[in-house]
């Protein structure tokens, strides 16, 4: 099957705004660069940076737990390292994720935004070497077939923003559900890079959230089960061969 890379996204802080990229350099055996580097703990979460192990995403400020977070828009400036957060009322801060003072400012902002909905103390965590705050520890990079998203939208009779699914790479030009032919261990090439299929992505209530309003307006998991007899959409891969991946690159696999 053949298609094209339509868009590329990273999520510097787990649960917060996806950021579009024109290109990204992937490295074999590594995670998608600067994706889920940080997470905001609703503590205490039990996460140990000296012995990092996957823990429930419900321990963090994620859309599955706090849908209203969709109304907080964030942006990381690579050139300066500055991280901006702003809410729908126009209130915002700009700070540095890499410093204790900057992380404390982010914690105060989100604590004020979430209020009593966040019962524990918020704390920004940085991923230790070789670890990322992924929903699955082997979810090194995620790919979404836009034709499948359109099939869902047609079945439920309303538009579906593909960014609800928080993938890294969105591809087009394939058949709907063509990704079901990608079996574990098979290879897919995207531009210069080669990926190995790990598994389909099981969806959760985070996909129910409208990214503009911060409200749960589509029972996405229920709709997938009702119309397609599944609760998966999108695919996790590992990176077998690195290289530069660009919007417009071909996908074959």
C-alpha atoms as a PDB file:
ATOM      1  CA  UNK A   1       0.000   0.000   0.000  1.00  0.00           C
ATOM      2  CA  UNK A   2       1.156   3.529  -0.747  1.00  0.00           C
ATOM      3  CA  UNK A   3       0.283   6.888   0.725  1.00  0.00           C
ATOM      4  CA  UNK A   4       1.763  10.186   1.824  1.00  0.00           C
ATOM      5  CA  UNK A   5       2.703  11.835   5.118  1.00  0.00           C
ATOM      6  CA  UNK A   6       0.059  14.529   5.564  1.00  0.00           C
ATOM      7  CA  UNK A   7       1.206  15.991   8.889  1.00  0.00           C
ATOM      8  CA  UNK A   8       3.612  15.436  11.790  1.00  0.00           C
ATOM      9  CA  UNK A   9       3.064  16.304  15.457  1.00  0.00           C
ATOM     10  CA  UNK A  10       4.857  16.143  18.777  1.00  0.00           C
ATOM     11  CA  UNK A  11       3.456  16.505  22.300  1.00  0.00           C
ATOM     12  CA  UNK A  12       6.224  17.961  24.502  1.00  0.00           C
ATOM     13  CA  UNK A  13       4.081  17.668  27.656  1.00  0.00           C
ATOM     14  CA  UNK A  14       1.826  14.643  28.053  1.00  0.00           C
ATOM     15  CA  UNK A  15      -1.833  15.621  27.817  1.00  0.00           C
ATOM     16  CA  UNK A  16      -1.229  19.122  26.476  1.00  0.00           C
ATOM     17  CA  UNK A  17      -1.309  20.699  23.006  1.00  0.00           C
ATOM     18  CA  UNK A  18      -0.031  18.837  19.898  1.00  0.00           C
ATOM     19  CA  UNK A  19       2.567  20.880  17.993  1.00  0.00           C
ATOM     20  CA  UNK A  20       2.872  20.613  14.179  1.00  0.00           C
ATOM     21  CA  UNK A  21       6.252  19.990  12.565  1.00  0.00           C
ATOM     22  CA  UNK A  22       7.351  20.295   8.947  1.00  0.00           C
ATOM     23  CA  UNK A  23      10.003  17.634   9.453  1.00  0.00           C
ATOM     24  CA  UNK A  24      11.646  15.570  12.152  1.00  0.00           C
ATOM     25  CA  UNK A  25      14.820  13.491  12.326  1.00  0.00           C
ATOM     26  CA  UNK A  26      14.132  10.023  13.682  1.00  0.00           C
ATOM     27  CA  UNK A  27      16.737   7.785  15.292  1.00  0.00           C
ATOM     28  CA  UNK A  28      16.707   3.987  15.195  1.00  0.00           C
ATOM     29  CA  UNK A  29      15.694   2.445  18.511  1.00  0.00           C
ATOM     30  CA  UNK A  30      14.614   5.793  19.958  1.00  0.00           C
ATOM     31  CA  UNK A  31      11.354   7.521  20.755  1.00  0.00           C
ATOM     32  CA  UNK A  32       9.833  10.238  18.600  1.00  0.00           C
ATOM     33  CA  UNK A  33      11.939  13.344  19.423  1.00  0.00           C
ATOM     34  CA  UNK A  34      10.655  15.635  22.192  1.00  0.00           C
ATOM     35  CA  UNK A  35       7.388  13.743  22.468  1.00  0.00           C
ATOM     36  CA  UNK A  36       6.008  13.275  26.003  1.00  0.00           C
ATOM     37  CA  UNK A  37       9.336  14.437  27.429  1.00  0.00           C
ATOM     38  CA  UNK A  38       7.405  15.893  30.343  1.00  0.00           C
ATOM     39  CA  UNK A  39       4.280  15.022  32.303  1.00  0.00           C
ATOM     40  CA  UNK A  40       2.454  16.805  35.095  1.00  0.00           C
ATOM     41  CA  UNK A  41       1.876  14.535  38.063  1.00  0.00           C
ATOM     42  CA  UNK A  42      -1.268  14.751  40.167  1.00  0.00           C
ATOM     43  CA  UNK A  43       0.619  13.554  43.163  1.00  0.00           C
ATOM     44  CA  UNK A  44       1.830  11.623  44.707  1.00  0.00           C
ATOM     45  CA  UNK A  45       1.886   9.333  41.672  1.00  0.00           C
ATOM     46  CA  UNK A  46       4.545   6.864  42.778  1.00  0.00           C
ATOM     47  CA  UNK A  47       6.736   7.575  39.740  1.00  0.00           C
ATOM     48  CA  UNK A  48      10.425   6.937  40.542  1.00  0.00           C
ATOM     49  CA  UNK A  49      12.853   8.620  38.083  1.00  0.00           C
ATOM     50  CA  UNK A  50      15.663   6.375  39.346  1.00  0.00           C
ATOM     51  CA  UNK A  51      13.659   3.269  38.477  1.00  0.00           C
ATOM     52  CA  UNK A  52      11.081   4.454  35.920  1.00  0.00           C
ATOM     53  CA  UNK A  53       8.170   2.146  35.273  1.00  0.00           C
ATOM     54  CA  UNK A  54       4.889   2.777  33.447  1.00  0.00           C
ATOM     55  CA  UNK A  55       2.079   3.996  35.664  1.00  0.00           C
ATOM     56  CA  UNK A  56      -1.544   4.831  34.915  1.00  0.00           C
ATOM     57  CA  UNK A  57      -2.060   7.969  32.850  1.00  0.00           C
ATOM     58  CA  UNK A  58      -4.801   8.858  35.323  1.00  0.00           C
ATOM     59  CA  UNK A  59      -1.953   9.907  37.636  1.00  0.00           C
ATOM     60  CA  UNK A  60      -1.196  12.817  35.286  1.00  0.00           C
ATOM     61  CA  UNK A  61      -2.946  15.876  33.893  1.00  0.00           C
ATOM     62  CA  UNK A  62      -4.350  14.214  30.772  1.00  0.00           C
ATOM     63  CA  UNK A  63      -7.569  14.675  28.801  1.00  0.00           C
ATOM     64  CA  UNK A  64      -8.861  11.290  29.936  1.00  0.00           C
ATOM     65  CA  UNK A  65      -9.070  12.705  33.480  1.00  0.00           C
ATOM     66  CA  UNK A  66      -9.330  16.462  32.883  1.00  0.00           C
ATOM     67  CA  UNK A  67     -11.114  17.142  29.565  1.00  0.00           C
ATOM     68  CA  UNK A  68     -11.087  20.897  30.281  1.00  0.00           C
ATOM     69  CA  UNK A  69      -7.310  20.867  29.707  1.00  0.00           C
ATOM     70  CA  UNK A  70      -8.073  21.012  25.979  1.00  0.00           C
ATOM     71  CA  UNK A  71      -8.841  24.702  26.505  1.00  0.00           C
ATOM     72  CA  UNK A  72      -5.250  25.316  27.647  1.00  0.00           C
ATOM     73  CA  UNK A  73      -3.079  25.928  24.585  1.00  0.00           C
ATOM     74  CA  UNK A  74       0.660  25.380  24.874  1.00  0.00           C
ATOM     75  CA  UNK A  75       3.690  25.986  22.674  1.00  0.00           C
ATOM     76  CA  UNK A  76       7.393  25.164  23.044  1.00  0.00           C
ATOM     77  CA  UNK A  77       9.915  27.420  21.279  1.00  0.00           C
ATOM     78  CA  UNK A  78      12.909  25.255  20.336  1.00  0.00           C
ATOM     79  CA  UNK A  79      15.150  28.250  19.685  1.00  0.00           C
ATOM     80  CA  UNK A  80      14.716  29.761  23.163  1.00  0.00           C
ATOM     81  CA  UNK A  81      13.456  26.830  25.214  1.00  0.00           C
ATOM     82  CA  UNK A  82      10.524  28.954  26.338  1.00  0.00           C
ATOM     83  CA  UNK A  83       7.199  27.237  27.025  1.00  0.00           C
ATOM     84  CA  UNK A  84       3.952  29.181  26.717  1.00  0.00           C
ATOM     85  CA  UNK A  85       0.597  28.274  28.301  1.00  0.00           C
ATOM     86  CA  UNK A  86      -2.597  30.234  27.758  1.00  0.00           C
ATOM     87  CA  UNK A  87      -6.277  29.742  28.500  1.00  0.00           C
ATOM     88  CA  UNK A  88      -9.411  30.730  26.607  1.00  0.00           C
ATOM     89  CA  UNK A  89      -9.744  33.912  28.679  1.00  0.00           C
ATOM     90  CA  UNK A  90      -6.438  35.222  27.362  1.00  0.00           C
ATOM     91  CA  UNK A  91      -4.477  34.615  30.549  1.00  0.00           C
ATOM     92  CA  UNK A  92      -1.102  33.046  29.945  1.00  0.00           C
ATOM     93  CA  UNK A  93       2.451  32.635  31.111  1.00  0.00           C
ATOM     94  CA  UNK A  94       5.760  31.997  29.415  1.00  0.00           C
ATOM     95  CA  UNK A  95       8.445  30.103  31.259  1.00  0.00           C
ATOM     96  CA  UNK A  96      11.290  27.581  30.958  1.00  0.00           C
ATOM     97  CA  UNK A  97      10.492  23.873  31.257  1.00  0.00           C
ATOM     98  CA  UNK A  98      14.137  23.103  31.983  1.00  0.00           C
ATOM     99  CA  UNK A  99      14.414  25.074  35.236  1.00  0.00           C
ATOM    100  CA  UNK A 100      12.869  24.414  38.667  1.00  0.00           C
ATOM    101  CA  UNK A 101      11.466  27.959  38.699  1.00  0.00           C
ATOM    102  CA  UNK A 102       9.875  27.483  35.279  1.00  0.00           C
ATOM    103  CA  UNK A 103       8.327  24.161  36.219  1.00  0.00           C
ATOM    104  CA  UNK A 104       6.949  25.675  39.429  1.00  0.00           C
ATOM    105  CA  UNK A 105       5.258  28.406  37.369  1.00  0.00           C
ATOM    106  CA  UNK A 106       3.608  25.757  35.172  1.00  0.00           C
ATOM    107  CA  UNK A 107       2.430  23.893  38.254  1.00  0.00           C
ATOM    108  CA  UNK A 108       0.843  27.042  39.706  1.00  0.00           C
ATOM    109  CA  UNK A 109      -0.871  27.883  36.413  1.00  0.00           C
ATOM    110  CA  UNK A 110      -2.393  24.433  35.982  1.00  0.00           C
ATOM    111  CA  UNK A 111      -3.324  24.173  39.668  1.00  0.00           C
ATOM    112  CA  UNK A 112      -5.253  27.435  39.379  1.00  0.00           C
ATOM    113  CA  UNK A 113      -6.876  26.351  36.110  1.00  0.00           C
ATOM    114  CA  UNK A 114      -8.009  22.943  37.377  1.00  0.00           C
ATOM    115  CA  UNK A 115      -8.861  24.122  40.894  1.00  0.00           C
ATOM    116  CA  UNK A 116     -10.580  21.543  43.077  1.00  0.00           C
ATOM    117  CA  UNK A 117     -10.748  19.082  40.192  1.00  0.00           C
ATOM    118  CA  UNK A 118      -7.067  18.299  40.848  1.00  0.00           C
ATOM    119  CA  UNK A 119      -7.036  17.026  44.447  1.00  0.00           C
ATOM    120  CA  UNK A 120      -3.312  16.280  44.602  1.00  0.00           C
ATOM    121  CA  UNK A 121      -0.304  18.560  44.309  1.00  0.00           C
ATOM    122  CA  UNK A 122       0.784  19.106  40.714  1.00  0.00           C
ATOM    123  CA  UNK A 123       4.436  18.514  39.844  1.00  0.00           C
ATOM    124  CA  UNK A 124       6.175  18.685  36.452  1.00  0.00           C
ATOM    125  CA  UNK A 125       8.214  15.544  35.830  1.00  0.00           C
ATOM    126  CA  UNK A 126      10.980  15.249  33.230  1.00  0.00           C
ATOM    127  CA  UNK A 127      11.518  11.881  31.608  1.00  0.00           C
ATOM    128  CA  UNK A 128      14.789  10.191  32.611  1.00  0.00           C
ATOM    129  CA  UNK A 129      17.112   8.867  29.870  1.00  0.00           C
ATOM    130  CA  UNK A 130      15.573   6.022  27.872  1.00  0.00           C
ATOM    131  CA  UNK A 131      12.061   6.659  29.162  1.00  0.00           C
ATOM    132  CA  UNK A 132       9.050   8.631  27.939  1.00  0.00           C
ATOM    133  CA  UNK A 133       5.625   9.258  29.416  1.00  0.00           C
ATOM    134  CA  UNK A 134       3.835   7.184  26.806  1.00  0.00           C
ATOM    135  CA  UNK A 135       0.553   5.349  27.346  1.00  0.00           C
ATOM    136  CA  UNK A 136       2.437   2.202  26.337  1.00  0.00           C
ATOM    137  CA  UNK A 137       6.196   1.830  27.028  1.00  0.00           C
ATOM    138  CA  UNK A 138       6.765   0.440  23.530  1.00  0.00           C
ATOM    139  CA  UNK A 139       4.782   3.155  21.772  1.00  0.00           C
ATOM    140  CA  UNK A 140       7.893   4.729  20.261  1.00  0.00           C
ATOM    141  CA  UNK A 141       6.001   6.450  17.446  1.00  0.00           C
ATOM    142  CA  UNK A 142       2.307   6.469  16.511  1.00  0.00           C
ATOM    143  CA  UNK A 143       0.815   6.638  13.015  1.00  0.00           C
ATOM    144  CA  UNK A 144      -2.797   7.448  12.097  1.00  0.00           C
ATOM    145  CA  UNK A 145      -4.533   6.638   8.801  1.00  0.00           C
ATOM    146  CA  UNK A 146      -6.684   9.672   7.964  1.00  0.00           C
ATOM    147  CA  UNK A 147      -8.940   7.590   5.716  1.00  0.00           C
ATOM    148  CA  UNK A 148      -9.949   5.556   8.768  1.00  0.00           C
ATOM    149  CA  UNK A 149     -10.732   8.748  10.692  1.00  0.00           C
ATOM    150  CA  UNK A 150     -12.962   9.883   7.823  1.00  0.00           C
ATOM    151  CA  UNK A 151     -14.690   6.486   7.864  1.00  0.00           C
ATOM    152  CA  UNK A 152     -15.496   7.007  11.538  1.00  0.00           C
ATOM    153  CA  UNK A 153     -16.805  10.519  10.865  1.00  0.00           C
ATOM    154  CA  UNK A 154     -19.047   9.222   8.082  1.00  0.00           C
ATOM    155  CA  UNK A 155     -20.386   6.403  10.248  1.00  0.00           C
ATOM    156  CA  UNK A 156     -21.287   8.643  13.192  1.00  0.00           C
ATOM    157  CA  UNK A 157     -22.542  11.494  11.031  1.00  0.00           C
ATOM    158  CA  UNK A 158     -20.379  14.300  12.388  1.00  0.00           C
ATOM    159  CA  UNK A 159     -16.870  15.712  11.876  1.00  0.00           C
ATOM    160  CA  UNK A 160     -13.982  14.120  13.778  1.00  0.00           C
ATOM    161  CA  UNK A 161     -10.799  16.117  14.382  1.00  0.00           C
ATOM    162  CA  UNK A 162      -7.901  13.679  13.786  1.00  0.00           C
ATOM    163  CA  UNK A 163      -5.915  15.429  16.537  1.00  0.00           C
ATOM    164  CA  UNK A 164      -8.237  13.806  19.072  1.00  0.00           C
ATOM    165  CA  UNK A 165      -6.074  10.725  18.584  1.00  0.00           C
ATOM    166  CA  UNK A 166      -2.785  12.462  19.509  1.00  0.00           C
ATOM    167  CA  UNK A 167      -0.653  10.645  16.916  1.00  0.00           C
ATOM    168  CA  UNK A 168       2.820  11.621  15.759  1.00  0.00           C
ATOM    169  CA  UNK A 169       2.333  10.997  12.034  1.00  0.00           C
ATOM    170  CA  UNK A 170      -0.883  11.307  10.019  1.00  0.00           C
ATOM    171  CA  UNK A 171      -0.881   9.618   6.610  1.00  0.00           C
ATOM    172  CA  UNK A 172      -3.304   9.852   3.714  1.00  0.00           C
ATOM    173  CA  UNK A 173      -3.911   8.098   0.402  1.00  0.00           C
ATOM    174  CA  UNK A 174      -4.515   4.664   1.950  1.00  0.00           C
ATOM    175  CA  UNK A 175      -7.797   2.781   2.065  1.00  0.00           C
ATOM    176  CA  UNK A 176      -9.870   3.052   5.245  1.00  0.00           C
ATOM    177  CA  UNK A 177      -8.588   0.485   7.740  1.00  0.00           C
ATOM    178  CA  UNK A 178      -5.661  -0.443   5.492  1.00  0.00           C
ATOM    179  CA  UNK A 179      -3.586  -0.434   8.683  1.00  0.00           C
ATOM    180  CA  UNK A 180      -5.313  -3.663   9.731  1.00  0.00           C
ATOM    181  CA  UNK A 181      -3.020  -5.383   7.229  1.00  0.00           C
ATOM    182  CA  UNK A 182       0.035  -4.267   9.240  1.00  0.00           C
ATOM    183  CA  UNK A 183       0.859  -7.292  11.371  1.00  0.00           C
ATOM    184  CA  UNK A 184       3.285  -7.177  14.282  1.00  0.00           C
ATOM    185  CA  UNK A 185       6.881  -7.039  13.073  1.00  0.00           C
ATOM    186  CA  UNK A 186       6.111  -6.054   9.501  1.00  0.00           C
ATOM    187  CA  UNK A 187       7.987  -3.068   8.056  1.00  0.00           C
ATOM    188  CA  UNK A 188       6.684   0.240   6.719  1.00  0.00           C
ATOM    189  CA  UNK A 189       8.835   2.926   5.100  1.00  0.00           C
ATOM    190  CA  UNK A 190       8.134   6.632   5.561  1.00  0.00           C
ATOM    191  CA  UNK A 191      10.491   8.722   3.458  1.00  0.00           C
ATOM    192  CA  UNK A 192      14.050   7.853   4.542  1.00  0.00           C
ATOM    193  CA  UNK A 193      12.879   5.985   7.639  1.00  0.00           C
ATOM    194  CA  UNK A 194      11.734   2.426   8.244  1.00  0.00           C
ATOM    195  CA  UNK A 195       9.322   1.485  11.022  1.00  0.00           C
ATOM    196  CA  UNK A 196       8.354  -1.870  12.496  1.00  0.00           C
ATOM    197  CA  UNK A 197       4.736  -2.506  13.481  1.00  0.00           C
ATOM    198  CA  UNK A 198       4.199  -3.050  17.213  1.00  0.00           C
ATOM    199  CA  UNK A 199       0.442  -3.044  17.798  1.00  0.00           C
ATOM    200  CA  UNK A 200      -2.832  -1.209  17.169  1.00  0.00           C
ATOM    201  CA  UNK A 201      -3.626   1.567  19.647  1.00  0.00           C
ATOM    202  CA  UNK A 202      -6.502   0.914  22.030  1.00  0.00           C
ATOM    203  CA  UNK A 203      -8.473   4.135  22.411  1.00  0.00           C
ATOM    204  CA  UNK A 204      -9.745   5.668  25.664  1.00  0.00           C
ATOM    205  CA  UNK A 205     -12.029   8.483  26.826  1.00  0.00           C
ATOM    206  CA  UNK A 206      -9.391  11.089  25.920  1.00  0.00           C
ATOM    207  CA  UNK A 207     -10.678  10.767  22.342  1.00  0.00           C
ATOM    208  CA  UNK A 208     -14.153  11.805  23.524  1.00  0.00           C
ATOM    209  CA  UNK A 209     -12.931  15.368  24.151  1.00  0.00           C
ATOM    210  CA  UNK A 210     -13.630  18.284  21.822  1.00  0.00           C
ATOM    211  CA  UNK A 211     -10.261  20.031  21.496  1.00  0.00           C
ATOM    212  CA  UNK A 212     -11.866  23.480  21.240  1.00  0.00           C
ATOM    213  CA  UNK A 213     -14.450  23.331  24.006  1.00  0.00           C
ATOM    214  CA  UNK A 214     -12.836  20.885  26.425  1.00  0.00           C
ATOM    215  CA  UNK A 215     -16.101  18.943  26.644  1.00  0.00           C
ATOM    216  CA  UNK A 216     -16.769  15.268  25.993  1.00  0.00           C
ATOM    217  CA  UNK A 217     -19.035  15.445  22.957  1.00  0.00           C
ATOM    218  CA  UNK A 218     -18.421  12.102  21.180  1.00  0.00           C
ATOM    219  CA  UNK A 219     -18.409   8.674  22.829  1.00  0.00           C
ATOM    220  CA  UNK A 220     -15.593   7.654  20.519  1.00  0.00           C
ATOM    221  CA  UNK A 221     -14.906   4.289  22.121  1.00  0.00           C
ATOM    222  CA  UNK A 222     -18.605   3.424  22.049  1.00  0.00           C
ATOM    223  CA  UNK A 223     -18.941   4.536  18.438  1.00  0.00           C
ATOM    224  CA  UNK A 224     -15.945   2.461  17.348  1.00  0.00           C
ATOM    225  CA  UNK A 225     -17.461  -0.590  19.005  1.00  0.00           C
ATOM    226  CA  UNK A 226     -20.963   0.040  17.656  1.00  0.00           C
ATOM    227  CA  UNK A 227     -20.048   0.751  14.041  1.00  0.00           C
ATOM    228  CA  UNK A 228     -16.817  -1.199  13.564  1.00  0.00           C
ATOM    229  CA  UNK A 229     -16.663  -3.812  16.336  1.00  0.00           C
ATOM    230  CA  UNK A 230     -13.336  -2.525  17.587  1.00  0.00           C
ATOM    231  CA  UNK A 231     -11.777  -0.197  20.137  1.00  0.00           C
ATOM    232  CA  UNK A 232      -8.533   0.450  18.244  1.00  0.00           C
ATOM    233  CA  UNK A 233      -7.573   3.232  15.859  1.00  0.00           C
ATOM    234  CA  UNK A 234      -3.998   4.060  14.887  1.00  0.00           C
ATOM    235  CA  UNK A 235      -0.807   2.014  15.153  1.00  0.00           C
ATOM    236  CA  UNK A 236       2.272   1.982  17.369  1.00  0.00           C
ATOM    237  CA  UNK A 237       5.641   1.398  15.703  1.00  0.00           C
ATOM    238  CA  UNK A 238       9.287   1.143  16.640  1.00  0.00           C
ATOM    239  CA  UNK A 239      11.951   2.924  14.573  1.00  0.00           C
ATOM    240  CA  UNK A 240      14.210   0.468  12.737  1.00  0.00           C
ATOM    241  CA  UNK A 241      16.032   2.887  10.423  1.00  0.00           C
ATOM    242  CA  UNK A 242      16.408   6.559  11.207  1.00  0.00           C
ATOM    243  CA  UNK A 243      16.472   9.522   8.880  1.00  0.00           C
ATOM    244  CA  UNK A 244      14.702  12.745   8.067  1.00  0.00           C
ATOM    245  CA  UNK A 245      10.924  12.467   7.882  1.00  0.00           C
ATOM    246  CA  UNK A 246       9.075  15.303   6.129  1.00  0.00           C
ATOM    247  CA  UNK A 247       5.510  16.285   5.368  1.00  0.00           C
ATOM    248  CA  UNK A 248       4.845  15.040   1.823  1.00  0.00           C
ATOM    249  CA  UNK A 249       7.087  11.977   2.105  1.00  0.00           C
ATOM    250  CA  UNK A 250       5.801   8.708   0.688  1.00  0.00           C
ATOM    251  CA  UNK A 251       4.658   5.825   2.857  1.00  0.00           C
ATOM    252  CA  UNK A 252       4.921   2.252   1.622  1.00  0.00           C
ATOM    253  CA  UNK A 253       4.216  -0.963   3.432  1.00  0.00           C
END
